[in-house]
Amino acid sequence: MPLSRPIALTLALAAGLAAFVATAGCDAARTAPAGRGLKTGHFDLSPEARRLLPRGAVLYYGKADTIGLKDRWAVEELDVDTGRTREIISTDSSGLVDLQPYSISPDNRFLLVSARAKNDEKTFLMELDVESGAWRKIMDNAINGFYSPDGAKIVLYTSQGSSLETVRHSVYIMELKNSVLHEVPCDTTSCRHSSWDPKGTSIIYVDGDNRIYSYSVKDERRSEIIVERNLHQEKISYPIFCGRRIIYFVRKKTAEYSKLLGYRTYQRELRSLLPGDFAPRRLGDFTDVPNIVCHPTISSVIGVHNVRKQGLYLALLQLQPKRIVRLFPPQPSRLMYINPVLTVRQ
């Protein structure tokens, strides 16, 4: 049975809302990088981090330098075995800012990255060649893109609206061979933060503030799998599979002002649910940017940790026993690392 509600590449929206256009396709032209301003470097990972990460591990992440001032962004590659770092794309080479990777293709050739042009508030999702730095646009007003395990599809969500009162978030599955989009059922105006199960037969996503649903790609059935009933002003975000676990964040309602970021940051509690669990288990707190990644070869997740007076850094949260391991040595306070993506090359 085909997926429901296929739509054409160009979606006409109601008056007053921004239009978004899917421009992906197997033969879509890629924008070649300018090749200037790209940097290489080296990180001495701690012995503990090297021990926990598998051999052949490669980490990708977004890097921002002096947020709000120079506004220089980059997507960087870190070879865990050697400590070598390499910028794949940067503001200098592309004219783009807010470069945030989300997912790497199964063949390790491409990253799905959200970005926007300077002086433009419209974010788009693009596919980035990790070797050459060339990229192609997938869709306007779209973020949070993830490849299916077979690389044939991606799941993403869009944000439409001119204000907080009119904004609507929607989840779509895109078939990469023909760029056809399929809208996923949504009961509210805020369906977001989607990801694939390990087999690629279904996705999980947030619908509203306190519910996570599973949606079968094959038979279009939707089932409610997690409900947090006592959240008050808190919200669920960023569910992913980590082995048999489903891991997600609950954003707490308390916030603190961050001088580094220039806005208020929220504490986020990491929770998990295993098949057969009666209730979610609490794993610990991360703060601010809640982008996490899990690789099947490690019983850990990697996310962004925010320590007061130390800024943000990438950290590995080991699940058993529970502990946080900093991946990078202390960096200048103007640097920010976000949206880690992990792969293991054979």
C-alpha atoms as a PDB file:
ATOM      1  CA  MET A   1       0.000   0.000   0.000  1.00  0.00           C
ATOM      2  CA  PRO A   2       1.473   3.388  -0.895  1.00  0.00           C
ATOM      3  CA  LEU A   3       2.036   6.006   1.776  1.00  0.00           C
ATOM      4  CA  SER A   4      -0.780   8.452   2.319  1.00  0.00           C
ATOM      5  CA  ARG A   5      -1.081  11.964   0.968  1.00  0.00           C
ATOM      6  CA  PRO A   6       1.725  12.177  -1.615  1.00  0.00           C
ATOM      7  CA  ILE A   7       2.301  15.766  -2.622  1.00  0.00           C
ATOM      8  CA  ALA A   8       4.209  17.441  -5.439  1.00  0.00           C
ATOM      9  CA  LEU A   9       7.550  19.112  -5.032  1.00  0.00           C
ATOM     10  CA  THR A  10       6.013  22.557  -4.768  1.00  0.00           C
ATOM     11  CA  LEU A  11       3.494  22.960  -1.956  1.00  0.00           C
ATOM     12  CA  ALA A  12       1.172  25.940  -2.143  1.00  0.00           C
ATOM     13  CA  LEU A  13       0.545  27.324   1.346  1.00  0.00           C
ATOM     14  CA  ALA A  14      -2.206  29.578   2.664  1.00  0.00           C
ATOM     15  CA  ALA A  15      -1.868  33.325   2.175  1.00  0.00           C
ATOM     16  CA  GLY A  16       0.588  34.904   4.539  1.00  0.00           C
ATOM     17  CA  LEU A  17       2.611  31.718   5.067  1.00  0.00           C
ATOM     18  CA  ALA A  18       5.999  31.178   3.484  1.00  0.00           C
ATOM     19  CA  ALA A  19       6.093  28.713   0.584  1.00  0.00           C
ATOM     20  CA  PHE A  20       8.504  25.866   0.713  1.00  0.00           C
ATOM     21  CA  VAL A  21       9.785  23.873  -2.229  1.00  0.00           C
ATOM     22  CA  ALA A  22      11.431  20.492  -2.320  1.00  0.00           C
ATOM     23  CA  THR A  23      14.283  20.651  -4.757  1.00  0.00           C
ATOM     24  CA  ALA A  24      15.889  17.297  -4.086  1.00  0.00           C
ATOM     25  CA  GLY A  25      16.400  14.690  -6.761  1.00  0.00           C
ATOM     26  CA  CYS A  26      18.932  12.174  -7.858  1.00  0.00           C
ATOM     27  CA  ASP A  27      20.102  14.472 -10.653  1.00  0.00           C
ATOM     28  CA  ALA A  28      19.833  17.769  -8.770  1.00  0.00           C
ATOM     29  CA  ALA A  29      22.816  20.029  -9.318  1.00  0.00           C
ATOM     30  CA  ARG A  30      25.189  20.505  -6.415  1.00  0.00           C
ATOM     31  CA  THR A  31      26.647  23.829  -5.380  1.00  0.00           C
ATOM     32  CA  ALA A  32      30.421  23.520  -5.442  1.00  0.00           C
ATOM     33  CA  PRO A  33      32.306  24.962  -2.458  1.00  0.00           C
ATOM     34  CA  ALA A  34      34.511  28.005  -2.905  1.00  0.00           C
ATOM     35  CA  GLY A  35      37.357  26.135  -1.213  1.00  0.00           C
ATOM     36  CA  ARG A  36      38.571  29.133   0.794  1.00  0.00           C
ATOM     37  CA  GLY A  37      38.724  29.596   4.524  1.00  0.00           C
ATOM     38  CA  LEU A  38      38.468  25.888   5.344  1.00  0.00           C
ATOM     39  CA  LYS A  39      40.572  24.858   8.314  1.00  0.00           C
ATOM     40  CA  THR A  40      42.257  21.691   9.537  1.00  0.00           C
ATOM     41  CA  GLY A  41      43.423  20.943  13.047  1.00  0.00           C
ATOM     42  CA  HIS A  42      43.898  18.356  15.738  1.00  0.00           C
ATOM     43  CA  PHE A  43      42.133  17.359  18.964  1.00  0.00           C
ATOM     44  CA  ASP A  44      43.697  15.273  21.709  1.00  0.00           C
ATOM     45  CA  LEU A  45      40.727  13.241  22.888  1.00  0.00           C
ATOM     46  CA  SER A  46      40.942  11.970  26.421  1.00  0.00           C
ATOM     47  CA  PRO A  47      42.062   8.328  26.845  1.00  0.00           C
ATOM     48  CA  GLU A  48      38.650   7.556  28.318  1.00  0.00           C
ATOM     49  CA  ALA A  49      36.854   8.964  25.285  1.00  0.00           C
ATOM     50  CA  ARG A  50      39.109   6.972  22.938  1.00  0.00           C
ATOM     51  CA  ARG A  51      38.381   3.817  24.911  1.00  0.00           C
ATOM     52  CA  LEU A  52      34.619   4.291  24.761  1.00  0.00           C
ATOM     53  CA  LEU A  53      34.444   5.168  21.060  1.00  0.00           C
ATOM     54  CA  PRO A  54      35.003   2.305  18.577  1.00  0.00           C
ATOM     55  CA  ARG A  55      37.970   2.125  16.218  1.00  0.00           C
ATOM     56  CA  GLY A  56      37.191   3.767  12.928  1.00  0.00           C
ATOM     57  CA  ALA A  57      34.772   6.224  14.542  1.00  0.00           C
ATOM     58  CA  VAL A  58      34.285   9.551  12.774  1.00  0.00           C
ATOM     59  CA  LEU A  59      32.411  12.396  14.409  1.00  0.00           C
ATOM     60  CA  TYR A  60      30.762  15.264  12.539  1.00  0.00           C
ATOM     61  CA  TYR A  61      29.390  18.363  14.241  1.00  0.00           C
ATOM     62  CA  GLY A  62      28.473  21.987  13.726  1.00  0.00           C
ATOM     63  CA  LYS A  63      30.902  24.602  15.028  1.00  0.00           C
ATOM     64  CA  ALA A  64      30.062  28.251  15.658  1.00  0.00           C
ATOM     65  CA  ASP A  65      32.683  30.914  16.376  1.00  0.00           C
ATOM     66  CA  THR A  66      31.632  34.041  18.292  1.00  0.00           C
ATOM     67  CA  ILE A  67      27.883  33.622  17.985  1.00  0.00           C
ATOM     68  CA  GLY A  68      26.110  36.890  17.205  1.00  0.00           C
ATOM     69  CA  LEU A  69      29.291  38.755  16.248  1.00  0.00           C
ATOM     70  CA  LYS A  70      31.327  37.212  13.439  1.00  0.00           C
ATOM     71  CA  ASP A  71      28.692  34.531  13.016  1.00  0.00           C
ATOM     72  CA  ARG A  72      31.142  32.082  11.426  1.00  0.00           C
ATOM     73  CA  TRP A  73      29.795  28.538  11.188  1.00  0.00           C
ATOM     74  CA  ALA A  74      31.321  25.323   9.920  1.00  0.00           C
ATOM     75  CA  VAL A  75      30.636  21.591   9.661  1.00  0.00           C
ATOM     76  CA  GLU A  76      33.714  19.763  10.895  1.00  0.00           C
ATOM     77  CA  GLU A  77      34.904  16.163  10.699  1.00  0.00           C
ATOM     78  CA  LEU A  78      36.891  14.539  13.516  1.00  0.00           C
ATOM     79  CA  ASP A  79      38.776  11.282  12.932  1.00  0.00           C
ATOM     80  CA  VAL A  80      38.673   9.731  16.406  1.00  0.00           C
ATOM     81  CA  ASP A  81      41.650   7.409  15.796  1.00  0.00           C
ATOM     82  CA  THR A  82      44.034  10.180  14.725  1.00  0.00           C
ATOM     83  CA  GLY A  83      42.454  13.260  16.298  1.00  0.00           C
ATOM     84  CA  ARG A  84      42.599  15.042  12.926  1.00  0.00           C
ATOM     85  CA  THR A  85      39.876  17.629  12.264  1.00  0.00           C
ATOM     86  CA  ARG A  86      38.810  18.968   8.886  1.00  0.00           C
ATOM     87  CA  GLU A  87      36.229  21.581   7.982  1.00  0.00           C
ATOM     88  CA  ILE A  88      33.953  20.369   5.185  1.00  0.00           C
ATOM     89  CA  ILE A  89      32.034  23.603   4.681  1.00  0.00           C
ATOM     90  CA  SER A  90      32.082  26.976   6.394  1.00  0.00           C
ATOM     91  CA  THR A  91      30.551  30.417   6.220  1.00  0.00           C
ATOM     92  CA  ASP A  92      33.718  31.592   4.464  1.00  0.00           C
ATOM     93  CA  SER A  93      33.470  28.947   1.746  1.00  0.00           C
ATOM     94  CA  SER A  94      29.692  28.978   1.238  1.00  0.00           C
ATOM     95  CA  GLY A  95      28.151  32.176   2.604  1.00  0.00           C
ATOM     96  CA  LEU A  96      25.905  30.026   4.823  1.00  0.00           C
ATOM     97  CA  VAL A  97      25.318  30.244   8.582  1.00  0.00           C
ATOM     98  CA  ASP A  98      23.548  28.078  11.171  1.00  0.00           C
ATOM     99  CA  LEU A  99      25.218  24.986   9.670  1.00  0.00           C
ATOM    100  CA  GLN A 100      23.876  22.080  11.720  1.00  0.00           C
ATOM    101  CA  PRO A 101      24.339  18.422  10.660  1.00  0.00           C
ATOM    102  CA  TYR A 102      21.703  15.816  11.566  1.00  0.00           C
ATOM    103  CA  SER A 103      22.382  12.518   9.824  1.00  0.00           C
ATOM    104  CA  ILE A 104      24.912  10.692   7.650  1.00  0.00           C
ATOM    105  CA  SER A 105      23.961   8.428   4.748  1.00  0.00           C
ATOM    106  CA  PRO A 106      24.492   4.671   5.158  1.00  0.00           C
ATOM    107  CA  ASP A 107      27.406   4.771   2.683  1.00  0.00           C
ATOM    108  CA  ASN A 108      29.065   7.587   4.717  1.00  0.00           C
ATOM    109  CA  ARG A 109      29.142   9.898   1.679  1.00  0.00           C
ATOM    110  CA  PHE A 110      26.596  12.573   2.555  1.00  0.00           C
ATOM    111  CA  LEU A 111      25.359  14.568   5.529  1.00  0.00           C
ATOM    112  CA  LEU A 112      21.918  16.100   5.933  1.00  0.00           C
ATOM    113  CA  VAL A 113      22.535  19.628   7.179  1.00  0.00           C
ATOM    114  CA  SER A 114      20.251  22.563   7.940  1.00  0.00           C
ATOM    115  CA  ALA A 115      21.492  26.061   7.071  1.00  0.00           C
ATOM    116  CA  ARG A 116      20.456  29.506   5.983  1.00  0.00           C
ATOM    117  CA  ALA A 117      22.001  32.260   3.927  1.00  0.00           C
ATOM    118  CA  LYS A 118      23.349  35.351   5.641  1.00  0.00           C
ATOM    119  CA  ASN A 119      20.674  38.010   6.218  1.00  0.00           C
ATOM    120  CA  ASP A 120      17.941  35.456   5.508  1.00  0.00           C
ATOM    121  CA  GLU A 121      15.771  33.969   8.258  1.00  0.00           C
ATOM    122  CA  LYS A 122      14.588  31.064   6.087  1.00  0.00           C
ATOM    123  CA  THR A 123      16.256  27.783   7.031  1.00  0.00           C
ATOM    124  CA  PHE A 124      16.603  24.988   4.492  1.00  0.00           C
ATOM    125  CA  LEU A 125      17.733  21.361   4.534  1.00  0.00           C
ATOM    126  CA  MET A 126      20.593  20.352   2.258  1.00  0.00           C
ATOM    127  CA  GLU A 127      22.649  17.282   1.392  1.00  0.00           C
ATOM    128  CA  LEU A 128      26.386  17.823   1.850  1.00  0.00           C
ATOM    129  CA  ASP A 129      29.136  15.748   0.216  1.00  0.00           C
ATOM    130  CA  VAL A 130      31.560  15.013   3.071  1.00  0.00           C
ATOM    131  CA  GLU A 131      34.596  14.753   0.762  1.00  0.00           C
ATOM    132  CA  SER A 132      34.149  17.643  -1.650  1.00  0.00           C
ATOM    133  CA  GLY A 133      31.938  19.997   0.372  1.00  0.00           C
ATOM    134  CA  ALA A 134      29.517  20.336  -2.554  1.00  0.00           C
ATOM    135  CA  TRP A 135      25.859  20.533  -1.554  1.00  0.00           C
ATOM    136  CA  ARG A 136      22.344  20.547  -2.922  1.00  0.00           C
ATOM    137  CA  LYS A 137      19.165  21.916  -1.402  1.00  0.00           C
ATOM    138  CA  ILE A 138      16.553  19.368  -0.308  1.00  0.00           C
ATOM    139  CA  MET A 139      13.748  21.628   0.927  1.00  0.00           C
ATOM    140  CA  ASP A 140      13.083  25.138   2.219  1.00  0.00           C
ATOM    141  CA  ASN A 141      11.787  25.690   5.760  1.00  0.00           C
ATOM    142  CA  ALA A 142      12.871  22.165   6.706  1.00  0.00           C
ATOM    143  CA  ILE A 143      15.202  20.851   9.415  1.00  0.00           C
ATOM    144  CA  ASN A 144      15.866  17.736  11.483  1.00  0.00           C
ATOM    145  CA  GLY A 145      16.496  15.446   8.471  1.00  0.00           C
ATOM    146  CA  PHE A 146      17.437  11.766   8.925  1.00  0.00           C
ATOM    147  CA  TYR A 147      18.305   9.098   6.365  1.00  0.00           C
ATOM    148  CA  SER A 148      16.496   5.778   6.516  1.00  0.00           C
ATOM    149  CA  PRO A 149      18.791   2.810   7.247  1.00  0.00           C
ATOM    150  CA  ASP A 150      18.749   1.814   3.551  1.00  0.00           C
ATOM    151  CA  GLY A 151      19.353   5.400   2.383  1.00  0.00           C
ATOM    152  CA  ALA A 152      16.277   5.393   0.132  1.00  0.00           C
ATOM    153  CA  LYS A 153      14.220   7.865   2.171  1.00  0.00           C
ATOM    154  CA  ILE A 154      14.625  10.720   4.602  1.00  0.00           C
ATOM    155  CA  VAL A 155      12.327  11.945   7.332  1.00  0.00           C
ATOM    156  CA  LEU A 156      12.208  15.638   8.186  1.00  0.00           C
ATOM    157  CA  TYR A 157       9.949  18.264   9.622  1.00  0.00           C
ATOM    158  CA  THR A 158       8.947  21.679   8.334  1.00  0.00           C
ATOM    159  CA  SER A 159       8.124  24.913  10.096  1.00  0.00           C
ATOM    160  CA  GLN A 160       5.558  27.216   8.516  1.00  0.00           C
ATOM    161  CA  GLY A 161       4.147  30.461   9.858  1.00  0.00           C
ATOM    162  CA  SER A 162       4.986  34.081  10.421  1.00  0.00           C
ATOM    163  CA  SER A 163       4.564  34.156  14.210  1.00  0.00           C
ATOM    164  CA  LEU A 164       4.350  31.917  17.267  1.00  0.00           C
ATOM    165  CA  GLU A 165       0.561  32.074  16.997  1.00  0.00           C
ATOM    166  CA  THR A 166       0.434  30.849  13.398  1.00  0.00           C
ATOM    167  CA  VAL A 167       3.424  28.501  13.190  1.00  0.00           C
ATOM    168  CA  ARG A 168       2.770  24.896  12.229  1.00  0.00           C
ATOM    169  CA  HIS A 169       5.243  22.009  12.345  1.00  0.00           C
ATOM    170  CA  SER A 170       4.682  18.992  10.089  1.00  0.00           C
ATOM    171  CA  VAL A 171       6.565  15.714   9.570  1.00  0.00           C
ATOM    172  CA  TYR A 172       7.213  14.358   6.072  1.00  0.00           C
ATOM    173  CA  ILE A 173       8.863  11.286   4.578  1.00  0.00           C
ATOM    174  CA  MET A 174      10.669  11.933   1.294  1.00  0.00           C
ATOM    175  CA  GLU A 175      11.605   9.295  -1.269  1.00  0.00           C
ATOM    176  CA  LEU A 176      15.016  10.374  -2.529  1.00  0.00           C
ATOM    177  CA  LYS A 177      14.744   8.732  -5.959  1.00  0.00           C
ATOM    178  CA  ASN A 178      11.872  10.983  -7.036  1.00  0.00           C
ATOM    179  CA  SER A 179      11.556  13.571  -4.221  1.00  0.00           C
ATOM    180  CA  VAL A 180       7.912  12.657  -3.568  1.00  0.00           C
ATOM    181  CA  LEU A 181       6.763  13.744  -0.114  1.00  0.00           C
ATOM    182  CA  HIS A 182       4.326  11.919   2.189  1.00  0.00           C
ATOM    183  CA  GLU A 183       2.800  13.782   5.103  1.00  0.00           C
ATOM    184  CA  VAL A 184       2.667  11.922   8.421  1.00  0.00           C
ATOM    185  CA  PRO A 185      -0.598  12.143  10.446  1.00  0.00           C
ATOM    186  CA  CYS A 186      -0.626  14.891  13.060  1.00  0.00           C
ATOM    187  CA  ASP A 187      -3.260  15.673  15.704  1.00  0.00           C
ATOM    188  CA  THR A 188      -1.831  19.061  16.671  1.00  0.00           C
ATOM    189  CA  THR A 189      -0.099  22.003  15.018  1.00  0.00           C
ATOM    190  CA  SER A 190       3.268  20.795  16.306  1.00  0.00           C
ATOM    191  CA  CYS A 191       4.546  17.479  14.905  1.00  0.00           C
ATOM    192  CA  ARG A 192       8.336  17.471  14.930  1.00  0.00           C
ATOM    193  CA  HIS A 193      11.631  15.776  15.903  1.00  0.00           C
ATOM    194  CA  SER A 194      11.292  12.585  13.864  1.00  0.00           C
ATOM    195  CA  SER A 195      13.741   9.693  13.468  1.00  0.00           C
ATOM    196  CA  TRP A 196      13.880   6.123  12.110  1.00  0.00           C
ATOM    197  CA  ASP A 197      13.740   2.801  13.866  1.00  0.00           C
ATOM    198  CA  PRO A 198      16.838   0.600  13.297  1.00  0.00           C
ATOM    199  CA  LYS A 199      15.117  -1.509  10.619  1.00  0.00           C
ATOM    200  CA  GLY A 200      13.708   1.454   8.695  1.00  0.00           C
ATOM    201  CA  THR A 201      10.138   0.126   8.849  1.00  0.00           C
ATOM    202  CA  SER A 202       8.742   2.979  10.959  1.00  0.00           C
ATOM    203  CA  ILE A 203       9.516   6.404  12.350  1.00  0.00           C
ATOM    204  CA  ILE A 204       8.967   7.943  15.753  1.00  0.00           C
ATOM    205  CA  TYR A 205       8.065  11.601  16.245  1.00  0.00           C
ATOM    206  CA  VAL A 206       6.627  14.077  18.725  1.00  0.00           C
ATOM    207  CA  ASP A 207       2.988  15.187  18.350  1.00  0.00           C
ATOM    208  CA  GLY A 208       2.143  18.069  20.665  1.00  0.00           C
ATOM    209  CA  ASP A 209       4.002  18.684  23.907  1.00  0.00           C
ATOM    210  CA  ASN A 210       3.834  15.322  25.655  1.00  0.00           C
ATOM    211  CA  ARG A 211       3.322  12.431  23.193  1.00  0.00           C
ATOM    212  CA  ILE A 212       5.593  10.305  21.036  1.00  0.00           C
ATOM    213  CA  TYR A 213       4.069   8.247  18.227  1.00  0.00           C
ATOM    214  CA  SER A 214       5.307   5.434  16.017  1.00  0.00           C
ATOM    215  CA  TYR A 215       4.241   5.462  12.356  1.00  0.00           C
ATOM    216  CA  SER A 216       4.636   2.422  10.104  1.00  0.00           C
ATOM    217  CA  VAL A 217       5.950   3.280   6.642  1.00  0.00           C
ATOM    218  CA  LYS A 218       4.512   0.073   5.175  1.00  0.00           C
ATOM    219  CA  ASP A 219       0.930  -0.021   6.425  1.00  0.00           C
ATOM    220  CA  GLU A 220       0.509   3.627   7.579  1.00  0.00           C
ATOM    221  CA  ARG A 221      -0.548   2.625  11.064  1.00  0.00           C
ATOM    222  CA  ARG A 222       0.141   5.036  13.877  1.00  0.00           C
ATOM    223  CA  SER A 223       0.424   4.101  17.537  1.00  0.00           C
ATOM    224  CA  GLU A 224       1.030   6.087  20.668  1.00  0.00           C
ATOM    225  CA  ILE A 225       4.106   4.772  22.476  1.00  0.00           C
ATOM    226  CA  ILE A 226       4.976   7.389  25.120  1.00  0.00           C
ATOM    227  CA  VAL A 227       2.757   9.807  27.021  1.00  0.00           C
ATOM    228  CA  GLU A 228       4.163  12.096  29.700  1.00  0.00           C
ATOM    229  CA  ARG A 229       1.075  13.177  31.637  1.00  0.00           C
ATOM    230  CA  ASN A 230       2.539  15.474  34.288  1.00  0.00           C
ATOM    231  CA  LEU A 231       4.739  17.815  32.313  1.00  0.00           C
ATOM    232  CA  HIS A 232       2.890  21.110  32.932  1.00  0.00           C
ATOM    233  CA  GLN A 233       5.036  23.584  30.938  1.00  0.00           C
ATOM    234  CA  GLU A 234       7.700  21.039  30.033  1.00  0.00           C
ATOM    235  CA  LYS A 235       7.959  19.524  26.567  1.00  0.00           C
ATOM    236  CA  ILE A 236       9.169  16.263  25.022  1.00  0.00           C
ATOM    237  CA  SER A 237      11.803  16.575  22.298  1.00  0.00           C
ATOM    238  CA  TYR A 238      14.251  14.669  20.064  1.00  0.00           C
ATOM    239  CA  PRO A 239      13.320  10.978  20.437  1.00  0.00           C
ATOM    240  CA  ILE A 240      15.796   8.507  18.924  1.00  0.00           C
ATOM    241  CA  PHE A 241      16.382   4.764  19.016  1.00  0.00           C
ATOM    242  CA  CYS A 242      19.484   3.579  20.854  1.00  0.00           C
ATOM    243  CA  GLY A 243      19.510  -0.180  20.388  1.00  0.00           C
ATOM    244  CA  ARG A 244      16.168  -1.324  21.813  1.00  0.00           C
ATOM    245  CA  ARG A 245      15.797   1.829  23.867  1.00  0.00           C
ATOM    246  CA  ILE A 246      13.879   4.924  22.870  1.00  0.00           C
ATOM    247  CA  ILE A 247      15.715   7.929  24.288  1.00  0.00           C
ATOM    248  CA  TYR A 248      14.230  11.397  24.466  1.00  0.00           C
ATOM    249  CA  PHE A 249      14.477  14.712  26.291  1.00  0.00           C
ATOM    250  CA  VAL A 250      12.046  16.439  28.582  1.00  0.00           C
ATOM    251  CA  ARG A 251      12.678  20.173  28.662  1.00  0.00           C
ATOM    252  CA  LYS A 252      12.141  21.554  32.149  1.00  0.00           C
ATOM    253  CA  LYS A 253      10.373  24.877  32.645  1.00  0.00           C
ATOM    254  CA  THR A 254      13.216  26.560  34.547  1.00  0.00           C
ATOM    255  CA  ALA A 255      15.702  28.545  32.488  1.00  0.00           C
ATOM    256  CA  GLU A 256      18.903  30.504  32.996  1.00  0.00           C
ATOM    257  CA  TYR A 257      20.421  33.270  30.906  1.00  0.00           C
ATOM    258  CA  SER A 258      23.536  32.236  28.968  1.00  0.00           C
ATOM    259  CA  LYS A 259      26.074  34.978  28.232  1.00  0.00           C
ATOM    260  CA  LEU A 260      27.672  32.744  25.599  1.00  0.00           C
ATOM    261  CA  LEU A 261      24.469  32.238  23.623  1.00  0.00           C
ATOM    262  CA  GLY A 262      22.744  35.508  24.460  1.00  0.00           C
ATOM    263  CA  TYR A 263      19.443  33.890  25.444  1.00  0.00           C
ATOM    264  CA  ARG A 264      17.866  31.788  28.184  1.00  0.00           C
ATOM    265  CA  THR A 265      18.750  28.096  28.235  1.00  0.00           C
ATOM    266  CA  TYR A 266      16.669  25.231  29.586  1.00  0.00           C
ATOM    267  CA  GLN A 267      17.707  22.209  31.546  1.00  0.00           C
ATOM    268  CA  ARG A 268      16.736  18.988  29.780  1.00  0.00           C
ATOM    269  CA  GLU A 269      16.333  15.628  31.413  1.00  0.00           C
ATOM    270  CA  LEU A 270      17.266  12.592  29.349  1.00  0.00           C
ATOM    271  CA  ARG A 271      14.864   9.659  29.674  1.00  0.00           C
ATOM    272  CA  SER A 272      14.639   6.206  28.107  1.00  0.00           C
ATOM    273  CA  LEU A 273      12.054   3.511  27.587  1.00  0.00           C
ATOM    274  CA  LEU A 274      12.793  -0.166  26.942  1.00  0.00           C
ATOM    275  CA  PRO A 275      10.204  -2.635  25.598  1.00  0.00           C
ATOM    276  CA  GLY A 276       8.302  -3.922  28.589  1.00  0.00           C
ATOM    277  CA  ASP A 277       9.092  -0.931  30.803  1.00  0.00           C
ATOM    278  CA  PHE A 278       6.104   0.309  32.766  1.00  0.00           C
ATOM    279  CA  ALA A 279       7.467   3.840  32.926  1.00  0.00           C
ATOM    280  CA  PRO A 280      10.404   5.755  31.394  1.00  0.00           C
ATOM    281  CA  ARG A 281      13.735   5.673  33.195  1.00  0.00           C
ATOM    282  CA  ARG A 282      15.636   8.831  34.046  1.00  0.00           C
ATOM    283  CA  LEU A 283      19.186   8.880  32.700  1.00  0.00           C
ATOM    284  CA  GLY A 284      20.408  12.299  33.792  1.00  0.00           C
ATOM    285  CA  ASP A 285      20.470  15.951  32.791  1.00  0.00           C
ATOM    286  CA  PHE A 286      21.910  17.669  29.765  1.00  0.00           C
ATOM    287  CA  THR A 287      21.354  21.354  29.177  1.00  0.00           C
ATOM    288  CA  ASP A 288      20.590  23.676  26.292  1.00  0.00           C
ATOM    289  CA  VAL A 289      20.981  22.230  22.779  1.00  0.00           C
ATOM    290  CA  PRO A 290      19.431  18.753  23.001  1.00  0.00           C
ATOM    291  CA  ASN A 291      20.928  17.122  19.940  1.00  0.00           C
ATOM    292  CA  ILE A 292      21.952  13.558  20.663  1.00  0.00           C
ATOM    293  CA  VAL A 293      23.227  10.607  18.666  1.00  0.00           C
ATOM    294  CA  CYS A 294      23.495   6.930  19.437  1.00  0.00           C
ATOM    295  CA  HIS A 295      25.526   4.339  17.571  1.00  0.00           C
ATOM    296  CA  PRO A 296      24.715   0.604  17.916  1.00  0.00           C
ATOM    297  CA  THR A 297      28.337  -0.276  18.704  1.00  0.00           C
ATOM    298  CA  ILE A 298      28.412   1.782  21.921  1.00  0.00           C
ATOM    299  CA  SER A 299      26.046   1.767  24.901  1.00  0.00           C
ATOM    300  CA  SER A 300      26.273   5.540  25.057  1.00  0.00           C
ATOM    301  CA  VAL A 301      24.810   8.686  23.580  1.00  0.00           C
ATOM    302  CA  ILE A 302      26.697  11.791  22.500  1.00  0.00           C
ATOM    303  CA  GLY A 303      25.178  15.193  23.073  1.00  0.00           C
ATOM    304  CA  VAL A 304      25.867  18.802  23.928  1.00  0.00           C
ATOM    305  CA  HIS A 305      26.560  19.641  27.542  1.00  0.00           C
ATOM    306  CA  ASN A 306      26.393  23.136  28.993  1.00  0.00           C
ATOM    307  CA  VAL A 307      28.373  23.787  32.157  1.00  0.00           C
ATOM    308  CA  ARG A 308      28.035  27.129  33.841  1.00  0.00           C
ATOM    309  CA  LYS A 309      31.116  29.328  33.236  1.00  0.00           C
ATOM    310  CA  GLN A 310      32.582  26.675  30.934  1.00  0.00           C
ATOM    311  CA  GLY A 311      30.239  26.975  27.942  1.00  0.00           C
ATOM    312  CA  LEU A 312      29.031  24.194  25.678  1.00  0.00           C
ATOM    313  CA  TYR A 313      31.005  21.115  24.742  1.00  0.00           C
ATOM    314  CA  LEU A 314      30.388  17.724  23.186  1.00  0.00           C
ATOM    315  CA  ALA A 315      30.145  14.963  25.753  1.00  0.00           C
ATOM    316  CA  LEU A 316      29.507  11.248  25.803  1.00  0.00           C
ATOM    317  CA  LEU A 317      26.912  10.010  28.279  1.00  0.00           C
ATOM    318  CA  GLN A 318      27.603   6.400  29.130  1.00  0.00           C
ATOM    319  CA  LEU A 319      24.371   4.622  30.012  1.00  0.00           C
ATOM    320  CA  GLN A 320      25.747   1.751  32.113  1.00  0.00           C
ATOM    321  CA  PRO A 321      27.204   2.877  34.441  1.00  0.00           C
ATOM    322  CA  LYS A 322      25.821   6.382  34.057  1.00  0.00           C
ATOM    323  CA  ARG A 323      28.542   9.001  33.684  1.00  0.00           C
ATOM    324  CA  ILE A 324      29.480  11.910  31.439  1.00  0.00           C
ATOM    325  CA  VAL A 325      32.794  11.932  29.567  1.00  0.00           C
ATOM    326  CA  ARG A 326      33.944  15.156  27.913  1.00  0.00           C
ATOM    327  CA  LEU A 327      35.158  14.496  24.366  1.00  0.00           C
ATOM    328  CA  PHE A 328      37.104  17.684  23.731  1.00  0.00           C
ATOM    329  CA  PRO A 329      39.602  19.520  25.918  1.00  0.00           C
ATOM    330  CA  PRO A 330      38.549  22.996  27.151  1.00  0.00           C
ATOM    331  CA  GLN A 331      38.079  25.425  24.260  1.00  0.00           C
ATOM    332  CA  PRO A 332      37.850  29.230  24.031  1.00  0.00           C
ATOM    333  CA  SER A 333      34.485  30.401  25.313  1.00  0.00           C
ATOM    334  CA  ARG A 334      33.549  31.861  21.930  1.00  0.00           C
ATOM    335  CA  LEU A 335      33.415  28.395  20.340  1.00  0.00           C
ATOM    336  CA  MET A 336      30.246  26.305  20.360  1.00  0.00           C
ATOM    337  CA  TYR A 337      29.900  22.695  19.198  1.00  0.00           C
ATOM    338  CA  ILE A 338      26.471  21.319  18.342  1.00  0.00           C
ATOM    339  CA  ASN A 339      24.575  18.561  16.530  1.00  0.00           C
ATOM    340  CA  PRO A 340      26.991  15.613  16.713  1.00  0.00           C
ATOM    341  CA  VAL A 341      26.720  12.858  14.086  1.00  0.00           C
ATOM    342  CA  LEU A 342      28.683   9.624  14.594  1.00  0.00           C
ATOM    343  CA  THR A 343      29.604   6.937  12.097  1.00  0.00           C
ATOM    344  CA  VAL A 344      32.084   4.047  12.080  1.00  0.00           C
ATOM    345  CA  ARG A 345      34.109   3.404   8.930  1.00  0.00           C
ATOM    346  CA  GLN A 346      35.216  -0.122   8.180  1.00  0.00           C
END
